[in-house]
Amino acid sequence: MLIVKRDKLGDLLLTTPVLAHLAASLPQAQIHLLANDYNAWVVSAHPNLHRTWTYPRTRDGGRLRIRAALSQLPLLWQLRRQRFDWALVMGGDESHRGIRLAIASGAARTVAYAEVPARYGARLTDPRPLPAGGHETARMLALLEPLGLPGVPLALDAPTFALPPDARAFAAGWLAARGLRERGYVVIGVGARRTKKQPTADQIARWASCIHEGHGLPTVFMWTPGTATQGAYPGDDALAEALVRRGLPHVHPFRGPIREALGLIYQARTSIIPDSGLMHFAAASPGGVLGLFADPADSAPASRWAPLGARARHLEARRAVADLPDEVVLRALAPLMTP
């Protein structure tokens, strides 16, 4: 079977419980994954994948990359030679491009969420009605029903991720240079697309000071590089500057790429991170995460995107994370402060 997954890093990570469920339920099956060259590394070491196929992103900043689009043609020819029995478009919503990729793979049967199945023709053999609710991982597990697999389990398994060796090596060197030790610090990260889900610089400063005074632990503060107005991925340089210029000795700033950030998260005691892909990686780390959400009526709610795992917690503010009292945040964090 071919799993088609076009989404971002965190979305692909949330697919790993589905891969595990498939492998356990159908041990004779060969599970292949089709992902783009931006996110495929997330599951490069996943034990339940027989093979990962990658394709280049055809759009960059809204512009079509002609050469990348043409490079998909030989890939689709190779996929058709596999003669897949099933192609499943993994995601909790309809994905037009994902469905067209799955159909182009030539699989005997194609499963996907589709509001108007007729727009894809008869090759979309197993359209599913769009779900009314549920967690994103549960929505994806429900796509397995045409295969005759059991329904969604009451308790969702946590995502799994193998930290790349280069990320681990970077973290070891970065921490040593600052006199920090493994499990001896807390990560506070920002990087949510919506401002309402971000803590303020004042909040981060207070939380870091309380963690230092109450537990003797410094904070590694990380953010998304760039300005708040840059394209589809707003940066947090302005927020970071407002915090860093305070010169708090127990706050260590980190501004860098995601793989290096993951190395630091995986060595932390625990993390506080708003709703984002980084939050889901932190949930899969040994220290776990306190995820921050806000305004569920207007943006992605915790009921669908909450972090999963034994050491995953979350808070959801009615309007904005900035409105959360410090004592509420620190109380929710307390269970995660024990290694």
C-alpha atoms as a PDB file:
ATOM      1  CA  MET A   1       0.000   0.000   0.000  1.00  0.00           C
ATOM      2  CA  LEU A   2       1.040   3.581  -0.634  1.00  0.00           C
ATOM      3  CA  ILE A   3       0.542   6.304   1.997  1.00  0.00           C
ATOM      4  CA  VAL A   4       0.386   9.742   0.350  1.00  0.00           C
ATOM      5  CA  LYS A   5       1.310  12.546   2.744  1.00  0.00           C
ATOM      6  CA  ARG A   6       1.812  16.056   1.395  1.00  0.00           C
ATOM      7  CA  ASP A   7       1.563  18.071   4.600  1.00  0.00           C
ATOM      8  CA  LYS A   8       4.064  19.746   6.864  1.00  0.00           C
ATOM      9  CA  LEU A   9       6.525  18.273   9.359  1.00  0.00           C
ATOM     10  CA  GLY A  10       4.195  18.049  12.359  1.00  0.00           C
ATOM     11  CA  ASP A  11       1.400  16.589  10.239  1.00  0.00           C
ATOM     12  CA  LEU A  12       3.675  13.817   9.015  1.00  0.00           C
ATOM     13  CA  LEU A  13       4.814  13.100  12.571  1.00  0.00           C
ATOM     14  CA  LEU A  14       1.159  12.639  13.586  1.00  0.00           C
ATOM     15  CA  THR A  15       0.915   9.958  10.895  1.00  0.00           C
ATOM     16  CA  THR A  16       3.417   7.645  12.625  1.00  0.00           C
ATOM     17  CA  PRO A  17       0.774   6.041  14.913  1.00  0.00           C
ATOM     18  CA  VAL A  18      -1.152   5.155  11.737  1.00  0.00           C
ATOM     19  CA  LEU A  19       1.926   3.476  10.268  1.00  0.00           C
ATOM     20  CA  ALA A  20       2.398   1.473  13.460  1.00  0.00           C
ATOM     21  CA  HIS A  21      -1.279   0.464  13.516  1.00  0.00           C
ATOM     22  CA  LEU A  22      -1.119  -0.653   9.880  1.00  0.00           C
ATOM     23  CA  ALA A  23       2.004  -2.720  10.434  1.00  0.00           C
ATOM     24  CA  ALA A  24       0.571  -4.418  13.516  1.00  0.00           C
ATOM     25  CA  SER A  25      -2.788  -5.154  11.866  1.00  0.00           C
ATOM     26  CA  LEU A  26      -1.436  -6.232   8.465  1.00  0.00           C
ATOM     27  CA  PRO A  27       2.036  -7.687   9.100  1.00  0.00           C
ATOM     28  CA  GLN A  28       2.164  -9.144   5.571  1.00  0.00           C
ATOM     29  CA  ALA A  29       1.715  -5.738   3.931  1.00  0.00           C
ATOM     30  CA  GLN A  30       4.446  -3.647   2.376  1.00  0.00           C
ATOM     31  CA  ILE A  31       3.908  -0.051   3.447  1.00  0.00           C
ATOM     32  CA  HIS A  32       5.322   2.642   1.167  1.00  0.00           C
ATOM     33  CA  LEU A  33       5.194   6.394   1.774  1.00  0.00           C
ATOM     34  CA  LEU A  34       5.057   9.194  -0.778  1.00  0.00           C
ATOM     35  CA  ALA A  35       6.153  12.527   0.712  1.00  0.00           C
ATOM     36  CA  ASN A  36       7.853  15.681  -0.505  1.00  0.00           C
ATOM     37  CA  ASP A  37      11.533  16.429  -0.098  1.00  0.00           C
ATOM     38  CA  TYR A  38      10.759  18.923   2.656  1.00  0.00           C
ATOM     39  CA  ASN A  39       9.179  16.537   5.155  1.00  0.00           C
ATOM     40  CA  ALA A  40      10.231  12.979   4.220  1.00  0.00           C
ATOM     41  CA  TRP A  41      13.229  13.009   6.612  1.00  0.00           C
ATOM     42  CA  VAL A  42      10.809  12.959   9.559  1.00  0.00           C
ATOM     43  CA  VAL A  43      10.125   9.242   8.950  1.00  0.00           C
ATOM     44  CA  SER A  44      13.381   8.249   7.229  1.00  0.00           C
ATOM     45  CA  ALA A  45      14.191   5.828  10.051  1.00  0.00           C
ATOM     46  CA  HIS A  46      10.656   4.570  10.701  1.00  0.00           C
ATOM     47  CA  PRO A  47      10.754   0.782  11.213  1.00  0.00           C
ATOM     48  CA  ASN A  48       7.345   0.099   9.621  1.00  0.00           C
ATOM     49  CA  LEU A  49       8.106   1.627   6.223  1.00  0.00           C
ATOM     50  CA  HIS A  50       9.246  -0.637   3.425  1.00  0.00           C
ATOM     51  CA  ARG A  51      10.206   2.300   1.220  1.00  0.00           C
ATOM     52  CA  THR A  52       9.902   6.097   1.135  1.00  0.00           C
ATOM     53  CA  TRP A  53       9.368   7.865  -2.187  1.00  0.00           C
ATOM     54  CA  THR A  54      10.069  11.593  -2.398  1.00  0.00           C
ATOM     55  CA  TYR A  55       9.207  14.294  -4.879  1.00  0.00           C
ATOM     56  CA  PRO A  56      10.281  17.960  -5.031  1.00  0.00           C
ATOM     57  CA  ARG A  57       7.795  20.645  -4.086  1.00  0.00           C
ATOM     58  CA  THR A  58       6.282  22.102  -7.226  1.00  0.00           C
ATOM     59  CA  ARG A  59       5.482  25.487  -5.686  1.00  0.00           C
ATOM     60  CA  ASP A  60       7.754  27.887  -3.849  1.00  0.00           C
ATOM     61  CA  GLY A  61       6.349  31.161  -2.527  1.00  0.00           C
ATOM     62  CA  GLY A  62       3.247  30.668  -4.673  1.00  0.00           C
ATOM     63  CA  ARG A  63       5.249  30.238  -7.897  1.00  0.00           C
ATOM     64  CA  LEU A  64       5.163  27.062  -9.972  1.00  0.00           C
ATOM     65  CA  ARG A  65       8.541  25.335 -10.362  1.00  0.00           C
ATOM     66  CA  ILE A  66       8.301  23.844 -13.857  1.00  0.00           C
ATOM     67  CA  ARG A  67      11.348  21.603 -13.553  1.00  0.00           C
ATOM     68  CA  ALA A  68      10.098  20.176 -10.245  1.00  0.00           C
ATOM     69  CA  ALA A  69       6.668  19.497 -11.745  1.00  0.00           C
ATOM     70  CA  LEU A  70       8.197  17.670 -14.735  1.00  0.00           C
ATOM     71  CA  SER A  71      10.387  15.558 -12.426  1.00  0.00           C
ATOM     72  CA  GLN A  72       7.240  13.959 -11.002  1.00  0.00           C
ATOM     73  CA  LEU A  73       6.503  12.187 -14.281  1.00  0.00           C
ATOM     74  CA  PRO A  74       9.231   9.502 -14.017  1.00  0.00           C
ATOM     75  CA  LEU A  75       8.410   9.112 -10.320  1.00  0.00           C
ATOM     76  CA  LEU A  76       4.754   8.399 -11.102  1.00  0.00           C
ATOM     77  CA  TRP A  77       5.836   5.876 -13.745  1.00  0.00           C
ATOM     78  CA  GLN A  78       7.939   4.069 -11.126  1.00  0.00           C
ATOM     79  CA  LEU A  79       5.024   4.102  -8.671  1.00  0.00           C
ATOM     80  CA  ARG A  80       2.683   2.587 -11.242  1.00  0.00           C
ATOM     81  CA  ARG A  81       5.165  -0.257 -11.757  1.00  0.00           C
ATOM     82  CA  GLN A  82       4.727  -1.184  -8.081  1.00  0.00           C
ATOM     83  CA  ARG A  83       1.088  -2.159  -8.732  1.00  0.00           C
ATOM     84  CA  PHE A  84      -0.148  -1.025  -5.348  1.00  0.00           C
ATOM     85  CA  ASP A  85      -3.313  -2.599  -4.010  1.00  0.00           C
ATOM     86  CA  TRP A  86      -4.161   0.509  -2.008  1.00  0.00           C
ATOM     87  CA  ALA A  87      -3.297   4.203  -1.984  1.00  0.00           C
ATOM     88  CA  LEU A  88      -4.415   6.167   1.072  1.00  0.00           C
ATOM     89  CA  VAL A  89      -4.354   9.967   1.140  1.00  0.00           C
ATOM     90  CA  MET A  90      -3.454  10.574   4.775  1.00  0.00           C
ATOM     91  CA  GLY A  91      -4.896  13.696   6.348  1.00  0.00           C
ATOM     92  CA  GLY A  92      -7.915  14.780   8.331  1.00  0.00           C
ATOM     93  CA  ASP A  93      -9.326  16.887   5.481  1.00  0.00           C
ATOM     94  CA  GLU A  94      -9.682  16.686   1.712  1.00  0.00           C
ATOM     95  CA  SER A  95      -6.413  17.139  -0.176  1.00  0.00           C
ATOM     96  CA  HIS A  96      -7.008  17.772  -3.877  1.00  0.00           C
ATOM     97  CA  ARG A  97      -3.368  17.378  -4.866  1.00  0.00           C
ATOM     98  CA  GLY A  98      -2.911  14.373  -2.606  1.00  0.00           C
ATOM     99  CA  ILE A  99      -5.880  12.623  -4.209  1.00  0.00           C
ATOM    100  CA  ARG A 100      -4.584  13.307  -7.702  1.00  0.00           C
ATOM    101  CA  LEU A 101      -1.146  11.923  -6.754  1.00  0.00           C
ATOM    102  CA  ALA A 102      -2.749   8.815  -5.270  1.00  0.00           C
ATOM    103  CA  ILE A 103      -4.854   8.241  -8.395  1.00  0.00           C
ATOM    104  CA  ALA A 104      -1.802   8.802 -10.622  1.00  0.00           C
ATOM    105  CA  SER A 105       0.047   6.053  -8.722  1.00  0.00           C
ATOM    106  CA  GLY A 106      -2.239   3.528 -10.429  1.00  0.00           C
ATOM    107  CA  ALA A 107      -3.274   1.786  -7.210  1.00  0.00           C
ATOM    108  CA  ALA A 108      -6.190  -0.613  -7.538  1.00  0.00           C
ATOM    109  CA  ARG A 109      -8.119   1.220  -4.818  1.00  0.00           C
ATOM    110  CA  THR A 110      -7.747   4.770  -3.521  1.00  0.00           C
ATOM    111  CA  VAL A 111      -9.022   5.979  -0.141  1.00  0.00           C
ATOM    112  CA  ALA A 112      -9.398   9.668   0.720  1.00  0.00           C
ATOM    113  CA  TYR A 113     -11.665  12.208   2.319  1.00  0.00           C
ATOM    114  CA  ALA A 114     -13.655  13.965  -0.408  1.00  0.00           C
ATOM    115  CA  GLU A 115     -16.595  16.330  -0.138  1.00  0.00           C
ATOM    116  CA  VAL A 116     -17.607  15.849  -3.795  1.00  0.00           C
ATOM    117  CA  PRO A 117     -16.127  12.492  -4.898  1.00  0.00           C
ATOM    118  CA  ALA A 118     -17.454  12.863  -8.455  1.00  0.00           C
ATOM    119  CA  ARG A 119     -14.867  15.558  -9.232  1.00  0.00           C
ATOM    120  CA  TYR A 120     -12.147  12.853  -9.168  1.00  0.00           C
ATOM    121  CA  GLY A 121     -13.917  10.220 -11.246  1.00  0.00           C
ATOM    122  CA  ALA A 122     -14.214   6.488 -10.712  1.00  0.00           C
ATOM    123  CA  ARG A 123     -10.523   6.050  -9.800  1.00  0.00           C
ATOM    124  CA  LEU A 124     -11.301   7.432  -6.350  1.00  0.00           C
ATOM    125  CA  THR A 125     -12.756   4.069  -5.427  1.00  0.00           C
ATOM    126  CA  ASP A 126     -13.254   4.592  -1.690  1.00  0.00           C
ATOM    127  CA  PRO A 127     -14.199   8.204  -0.915  1.00  0.00           C
ATOM    128  CA  ARG A 128     -14.918   8.955   2.722  1.00  0.00           C
ATOM    129  CA  PRO A 129     -17.158  11.733   4.056  1.00  0.00           C
ATOM    130  CA  LEU A 130     -15.311  14.549   5.785  1.00  0.00           C
ATOM    131  CA  PRO A 131     -15.192  13.964   9.558  1.00  0.00           C
ATOM    132  CA  ALA A 132     -17.194  16.262  11.815  1.00  0.00           C
ATOM    133  CA  GLY A 133     -14.636  16.252  14.617  1.00  0.00           C
ATOM    134  CA  GLY A 134     -11.921  14.294  16.382  1.00  0.00           C
ATOM    135  CA  HIS A 135      -8.172  14.485  16.701  1.00  0.00           C
ATOM    136  CA  GLU A 136      -6.124  14.607  13.496  1.00  0.00           C
ATOM    137  CA  THR A 137      -4.572  11.192  14.194  1.00  0.00           C
ATOM    138  CA  ALA A 138      -7.999   9.699  14.849  1.00  0.00           C
ATOM    139  CA  ARG A 139      -9.248  11.123  11.562  1.00  0.00           C
ATOM    140  CA  MET A 140      -6.396   9.441   9.729  1.00  0.00           C
ATOM    141  CA  LEU A 141      -6.953   6.120  11.495  1.00  0.00           C
ATOM    142  CA  ALA A 142     -10.585   6.219  10.344  1.00  0.00           C
ATOM    143  CA  LEU A 143      -9.322   6.113   6.750  1.00  0.00           C
ATOM    144  CA  LEU A 144      -8.266   2.495   7.364  1.00  0.00           C
ATOM    145  CA  GLU A 145     -11.845   1.241   7.662  1.00  0.00           C
ATOM    146  CA  PRO A 146     -12.145   0.250   3.964  1.00  0.00           C
ATOM    147  CA  LEU A 147      -9.232  -2.134   4.596  1.00  0.00           C
ATOM    148  CA  GLY A 148     -11.378  -3.935   7.148  1.00  0.00           C
ATOM    149  CA  LEU A 149      -9.334  -2.787  10.114  1.00  0.00           C
ATOM    150  CA  PRO A 150     -10.839  -2.064  13.549  1.00  0.00           C
ATOM    151  CA  GLY A 151     -12.155   1.402  14.328  1.00  0.00           C
ATOM    152  CA  VAL A 152     -10.287   4.191  16.043  1.00  0.00           C
ATOM    153  CA  PRO A 153      -8.930   3.104  19.464  1.00  0.00           C
ATOM    154  CA  LEU A 154     -10.110   4.937  22.564  1.00  0.00           C
ATOM    155  CA  ALA A 155      -6.522   5.892  23.441  1.00  0.00           C
ATOM    156  CA  LEU A 156      -4.424   7.250  20.588  1.00  0.00           C
ATOM    157  CA  ASP A 157      -0.819   6.117  20.416  1.00  0.00           C
ATOM    158  CA  ALA A 158       1.855   8.789  20.636  1.00  0.00           C
ATOM    159  CA  PRO A 159       3.888   9.765  17.560  1.00  0.00           C
ATOM    160  CA  THR A 160       7.428   8.432  17.343  1.00  0.00           C
ATOM    161  CA  PHE A 161      10.557  10.085  16.004  1.00  0.00           C
ATOM    162  CA  ALA A 162      14.203   9.037  15.852  1.00  0.00           C
ATOM    163  CA  LEU A 163      16.449  12.044  16.495  1.00  0.00           C
ATOM    164  CA  PRO A 164      19.067  12.270  13.704  1.00  0.00           C
ATOM    165  CA  PRO A 165      22.675  11.812  14.896  1.00  0.00           C
ATOM    166  CA  ASP A 166      23.699  15.219  13.555  1.00  0.00           C
ATOM    167  CA  ALA A 167      21.000  16.904  15.662  1.00  0.00           C
ATOM    168  CA  ARG A 168      22.156  15.063  18.770  1.00  0.00           C
ATOM    169  CA  ALA A 169      25.789  15.982  18.114  1.00  0.00           C
ATOM    170  CA  PHE A 170      24.913  19.641  17.603  1.00  0.00           C
ATOM    171  CA  ALA A 171      22.987  19.746  20.886  1.00  0.00           C
ATOM    172  CA  ALA A 172      25.879  18.203  22.792  1.00  0.00           C
ATOM    173  CA  GLY A 173      28.320  20.832  21.524  1.00  0.00           C
ATOM    174  CA  TRP A 174      25.936  23.780  21.925  1.00  0.00           C
ATOM    175  CA  LEU A 175      25.056  22.829  25.506  1.00  0.00           C
ATOM    176  CA  ALA A 176      28.674  22.198  26.500  1.00  0.00           C
ATOM    177  CA  ALA A 177      29.700  25.627  25.205  1.00  0.00           C
ATOM    178  CA  ARG A 178      27.179  27.231  27.574  1.00  0.00           C
ATOM    179  CA  GLY A 179      27.753  25.028  30.589  1.00  0.00           C
ATOM    180  CA  LEU A 180      24.341  23.366  30.263  1.00  0.00           C
ATOM    181  CA  ARG A 181      23.714  19.685  30.826  1.00  0.00           C
ATOM    182  CA  GLU A 182      21.257  17.130  29.484  1.00  0.00           C
ATOM    183  CA  ARG A 183      17.855  17.342  31.277  1.00  0.00           C
ATOM    184  CA  GLY A 184      19.231  20.371  33.100  1.00  0.00           C
ATOM    185  CA  TYR A 185      17.193  23.070  31.358  1.00  0.00           C
ATOM    186  CA  VAL A 186      13.716  23.830  30.021  1.00  0.00           C
ATOM    187  CA  VAL A 187      12.920  24.903  26.466  1.00  0.00           C
ATOM    188  CA  ILE A 188      10.453  27.720  25.843  1.00  0.00           C
ATOM    189  CA  GLY A 189       9.728  28.091  22.158  1.00  0.00           C
ATOM    190  CA  VAL A 190       7.616  30.346  19.985  1.00  0.00           C
ATOM    191  CA  GLY A 191       6.661  29.839  16.374  1.00  0.00           C
ATOM    192  CA  ALA A 192       2.884  29.685  16.060  1.00  0.00           C
ATOM    193  CA  ARG A 193       1.517  31.268  12.905  1.00  0.00           C
ATOM    194  CA  ARG A 194      -1.080  33.268  14.829  1.00  0.00           C
ATOM    195  CA  THR A 195      -0.064  35.896  17.364  1.00  0.00           C
ATOM    196  CA  LYS A 196      -2.904  34.932  19.691  1.00  0.00           C
ATOM    197  CA  LYS A 197      -1.221  31.554  20.276  1.00  0.00           C
ATOM    198  CA  GLN A 198       2.121  33.104  21.228  1.00  0.00           C
ATOM    199  CA  PRO A 199       3.136  34.054  24.773  1.00  0.00           C
ATOM    200  CA  THR A 200       4.413  37.594  25.185  1.00  0.00           C
ATOM    201  CA  ALA A 201       8.021  38.488  25.979  1.00  0.00           C
ATOM    202  CA  ASP A 202       6.879  39.464  29.495  1.00  0.00           C
ATOM    203  CA  GLN A 203       5.249  36.076  30.032  1.00  0.00           C
ATOM    204  CA  ILE A 204       8.314  34.181  28.836  1.00  0.00           C
ATOM    205  CA  ALA A 205      10.571  36.244  31.097  1.00  0.00           C
ATOM    206  CA  ARG A 206       8.357  35.557  34.119  1.00  0.00           C
ATOM    207  CA  TRP A 207       8.025  31.838  33.389  1.00  0.00           C
ATOM    208  CA  ALA A 208      11.770  31.457  32.895  1.00  0.00           C
ATOM    209  CA  SER A 209      12.462  33.285  36.172  1.00  0.00           C
ATOM    210  CA  CYS A 210       9.976  31.122  38.091  1.00  0.00           C
ATOM    211  CA  ILE A 211      11.515  27.950  36.627  1.00  0.00           C
ATOM    212  CA  HIS A 212      14.980  29.161  37.602  1.00  0.00           C
ATOM    213  CA  GLU A 213      13.992  30.194  41.122  1.00  0.00           C
ATOM    214  CA  GLY A 214      11.782  27.169  41.812  1.00  0.00           C
ATOM    215  CA  HIS A 215      13.792  24.401  40.159  1.00  0.00           C
ATOM    216  CA  GLY A 216      17.264  25.840  39.598  1.00  0.00           C
ATOM    217  CA  LEU A 217      16.944  25.270  35.848  1.00  0.00           C
ATOM    218  CA  PRO A 218      17.859  27.743  33.112  1.00  0.00           C
ATOM    219  CA  THR A 219      15.760  28.215  29.976  1.00  0.00           C
ATOM    220  CA  VAL A 220      16.722  27.748  26.341  1.00  0.00           C
ATOM    221  CA  PHE A 221      14.561  30.163  24.374  1.00  0.00           C
ATOM    222  CA  MET A 222      14.038  29.390  20.682  1.00  0.00           C
ATOM    223  CA  TRP A 223      12.074  31.104  17.955  1.00  0.00           C
ATOM    224  CA  THR A 224      11.384  31.084  14.232  1.00  0.00           C
ATOM    225  CA  PRO A 225      13.880  33.333  12.431  1.00  0.00           C
ATOM    226  CA  GLY A 226      12.547  36.226  10.368  1.00  0.00           C
ATOM    227  CA  THR A 227       9.981  38.985  10.451  1.00  0.00           C
ATOM    228  CA  ALA A 228       6.296  38.740  11.284  1.00  0.00           C
ATOM    229  CA  THR A 229       5.352  39.693   7.720  1.00  0.00           C
ATOM    230  CA  GLN A 230       7.394  37.153   5.775  1.00  0.00           C
ATOM    231  CA  GLY A 231       5.242  34.887   3.586  1.00  0.00           C
ATOM    232  CA  ALA A 232       3.496  31.803   4.918  1.00  0.00           C
ATOM    233  CA  TYR A 233       5.915  31.302   7.824  1.00  0.00           C
ATOM    234  CA  PRO A 234       6.015  34.430  10.013  1.00  0.00           C
ATOM    235  CA  GLY A 235       9.193  34.923  12.020  1.00  0.00           C
ATOM    236  CA  ASP A 236       9.560  35.936  15.655  1.00  0.00           C
ATOM    237  CA  ASP A 237      12.650  38.146  15.606  1.00  0.00           C
ATOM    238  CA  ALA A 238      10.773  41.127  17.091  1.00  0.00           C
ATOM    239  CA  LEU A 239       9.407  39.102  20.006  1.00  0.00           C
ATOM    240  CA  ALA A 240      12.805  37.516  20.577  1.00  0.00           C
ATOM    241  CA  GLU A 241      14.561  40.883  20.605  1.00  0.00           C
ATOM    242  CA  ALA A 242      12.145  42.162  23.262  1.00  0.00           C
ATOM    243  CA  LEU A 243      13.123  39.229  25.481  1.00  0.00           C
ATOM    244  CA  VAL A 244      16.831  38.930  24.712  1.00  0.00           C
ATOM    245  CA  ARG A 245      17.590  42.607  25.360  1.00  0.00           C
ATOM    246  CA  ARG A 246      16.573  42.074  28.986  1.00  0.00           C
ATOM    247  CA  GLY A 247      19.850  40.198  29.423  1.00  0.00           C
ATOM    248  CA  LEU A 248      18.479  37.549  31.795  1.00  0.00           C
ATOM    249  CA  PRO A 249      21.475  35.351  32.720  1.00  0.00           C
ATOM    250  CA  HIS A 250      19.324  32.222  33.043  1.00  0.00           C
ATOM    251  CA  VAL A 251      17.865  32.574  29.511  1.00  0.00           C
ATOM    252  CA  HIS A 252      19.950  31.186  26.630  1.00  0.00           C
ATOM    253  CA  PRO A 253      18.708  32.293  23.173  1.00  0.00           C
ATOM    254  CA  PHE A 254      18.776  29.902  20.238  1.00  0.00           C
ATOM    255  CA  ARG A 255      17.985  30.946  16.665  1.00  0.00           C
ATOM    256  CA  GLY A 256      18.561  28.190  14.161  1.00  0.00           C
ATOM    257  CA  PRO A 257      17.140  25.502  11.839  1.00  0.00           C
ATOM    258  CA  ILE A 258      14.625  22.920  12.970  1.00  0.00           C
ATOM    259  CA  ARG A 259      16.943  19.890  13.082  1.00  0.00           C
ATOM    260  CA  GLU A 260      19.272  21.687  15.500  1.00  0.00           C
ATOM    261  CA  ALA A 261      16.299  22.903  17.519  1.00  0.00           C
ATOM    262  CA  LEU A 262      15.092  19.309  17.820  1.00  0.00           C
ATOM    263  CA  GLY A 263      18.455  18.275  19.242  1.00  0.00           C
ATOM    264  CA  LEU A 264      18.035  20.810  22.055  1.00  0.00           C
ATOM    265  CA  ILE A 265      14.398  19.856  22.666  1.00  0.00           C
ATOM    266  CA  TYR A 266      15.243  16.170  22.951  1.00  0.00           C
ATOM    267  CA  GLN A 267      17.847  16.850  25.653  1.00  0.00           C
ATOM    268  CA  ALA A 268      15.611  19.189  27.698  1.00  0.00           C
ATOM    269  CA  ARG A 269      13.851  18.473  30.981  1.00  0.00           C
ATOM    270  CA  THR A 270      10.624  19.522  29.219  1.00  0.00           C
ATOM    271  CA  SER A 271       9.302  22.227  26.883  1.00  0.00           C
ATOM    272  CA  ILE A 272       6.632  24.913  26.595  1.00  0.00           C
ATOM    273  CA  ILE A 273       5.704  25.472  22.943  1.00  0.00           C
ATOM    274  CA  PRO A 274       2.621  26.918  21.191  1.00  0.00           C
ATOM    275  CA  ASP A 275       0.591  24.940  18.667  1.00  0.00           C
ATOM    276  CA  SER A 276       3.056  24.137  15.861  1.00  0.00           C
ATOM    277  CA  GLY A 277       5.008  21.310  14.321  1.00  0.00           C
ATOM    278  CA  LEU A 278       7.744  21.877  16.884  1.00  0.00           C
ATOM    279  CA  MET A 279       5.200  21.230  19.641  1.00  0.00           C
ATOM    280  CA  HIS A 280       4.435  17.762  18.242  1.00  0.00           C
ATOM    281  CA  PHE A 281       8.123  16.886  18.055  1.00  0.00           C
ATOM    282  CA  ALA A 282       8.510  17.992  21.677  1.00  0.00           C
ATOM    283  CA  ALA A 283       5.592  15.735  22.618  1.00  0.00           C
ATOM    284  CA  ALA A 284       7.511  12.802  21.124  1.00  0.00           C
ATOM    285  CA  SER A 285      10.675  13.709  23.048  1.00  0.00           C
ATOM    286  CA  PRO A 286      11.636  12.194  26.438  1.00  0.00           C
ATOM    287  CA  GLY A 287      10.756  15.419  28.279  1.00  0.00           C
ATOM    288  CA  GLY A 288       7.347  15.976  26.726  1.00  0.00           C
ATOM    289  CA  VAL A 289       5.662  19.320  26.219  1.00  0.00           C
ATOM    290  CA  LEU A 290       3.121  21.784  27.493  1.00  0.00           C
ATOM    291  CA  GLY A 291       1.346  22.930  24.321  1.00  0.00           C
ATOM    292  CA  LEU A 292      -0.379  26.309  24.139  1.00  0.00           C
ATOM    293  CA  PHE A 293      -3.608  26.925  22.189  1.00  0.00           C
ATOM    294  CA  ALA A 294      -6.038  29.825  21.943  1.00  0.00           C
ATOM    295  CA  ASP A 295      -9.414  30.843  20.521  1.00  0.00           C
ATOM    296  CA  PRO A 296     -10.672  27.418  19.394  1.00  0.00           C
ATOM    297  CA  ALA A 297     -13.655  28.961  17.612  1.00  0.00           C
ATOM    298  CA  ASP A 298     -11.409  30.882  15.219  1.00  0.00           C
ATOM    299  CA  SER A 299      -8.322  28.721  14.732  1.00  0.00           C
ATOM    300  CA  ALA A 300      -7.154  25.107  14.931  1.00  0.00           C
ATOM    301  CA  PRO A 301      -8.547  23.802  18.251  1.00  0.00           C
ATOM    302  CA  ALA A 302      -6.778  21.591  20.762  1.00  0.00           C
ATOM    303  CA  SER A 303      -9.517  18.988  20.269  1.00  0.00           C
ATOM    304  CA  ARG A 304      -7.968  18.305  16.856  1.00  0.00           C
ATOM    305  CA  TRP A 305      -4.306  19.238  17.258  1.00  0.00           C
ATOM    306  CA  ALA A 306      -3.389  18.652  20.911  1.00  0.00           C
ATOM    307  CA  PRO A 307       0.003  16.992  21.470  1.00  0.00           C
ATOM    308  CA  LEU A 308      -0.139  13.238  22.070  1.00  0.00           C
ATOM    309  CA  GLY A 309       1.977  11.245  24.496  1.00  0.00           C
ATOM    310  CA  ALA A 310       2.427  10.228  28.102  1.00  0.00           C
ATOM    311  CA  ARG A 311       4.261  13.482  28.852  1.00  0.00           C
ATOM    312  CA  ALA A 312       2.094  15.747  26.709  1.00  0.00           C
ATOM    313  CA  ARG A 313      -0.114  18.416  28.279  1.00  0.00           C
ATOM    314  CA  HIS A 314      -1.860  21.438  26.820  1.00  0.00           C
ATOM    315  CA  LEU A 315      -3.683  24.618  27.772  1.00  0.00           C
ATOM    316  CA  GLU A 316      -6.257  26.362  25.609  1.00  0.00           C
ATOM    317  CA  ALA A 317      -6.962  30.032  26.252  1.00  0.00           C
ATOM    318  CA  ARG A 318     -10.383  31.386  25.422  1.00  0.00           C
ATOM    319  CA  ARG A 319      -9.010  34.295  23.380  1.00  0.00           C
ATOM    320  CA  ALA A 320      -5.204  34.522  23.568  1.00  0.00           C
ATOM    321  CA  VAL A 321      -2.282  32.857  25.325  1.00  0.00           C
ATOM    322  CA  ALA A 322      -1.375  36.333  26.597  1.00  0.00           C
ATOM    323  CA  ASP A 323      -4.442  36.082  28.856  1.00  0.00           C
ATOM    324  CA  LEU A 324      -3.274  32.913  30.641  1.00  0.00           C
ATOM    325  CA  PRO A 325      -2.312  33.595  34.285  1.00  0.00           C
ATOM    326  CA  ASP A 326       1.222  32.547  35.216  1.00  0.00           C
ATOM    327  CA  GLU A 327      -0.035  30.290  37.986  1.00  0.00           C
ATOM    328  CA  VAL A 328      -2.174  28.326  35.518  1.00  0.00           C
ATOM    329  CA  VAL A 329       0.788  27.755  33.206  1.00  0.00           C
ATOM    330  CA  LEU A 330       3.177  26.798  36.000  1.00  0.00           C
ATOM    331  CA  ARG A 331       0.639  24.446  37.557  1.00  0.00           C
ATOM    332  CA  ALA A 332       0.179  22.651  34.239  1.00  0.00           C
ATOM    333  CA  LEU A 333       3.959  22.481  33.803  1.00  0.00           C
ATOM    334  CA  ALA A 334       4.640  21.039  37.254  1.00  0.00           C
ATOM    335  CA  PRO A 335       4.086  17.313  36.405  1.00  0.00           C
ATOM    336  CA  LEU A 336       6.581  17.600  33.542  1.00  0.00           C
ATOM    337  CA  MET A 337       9.360  19.031  35.706  1.00  0.00           C
ATOM    338  CA  THR A 338      10.104  15.587  37.153  1.00  0.00           C
ATOM    339  CA  PRO A 339      12.527  13.791  34.800  1.00  0.00           C
END
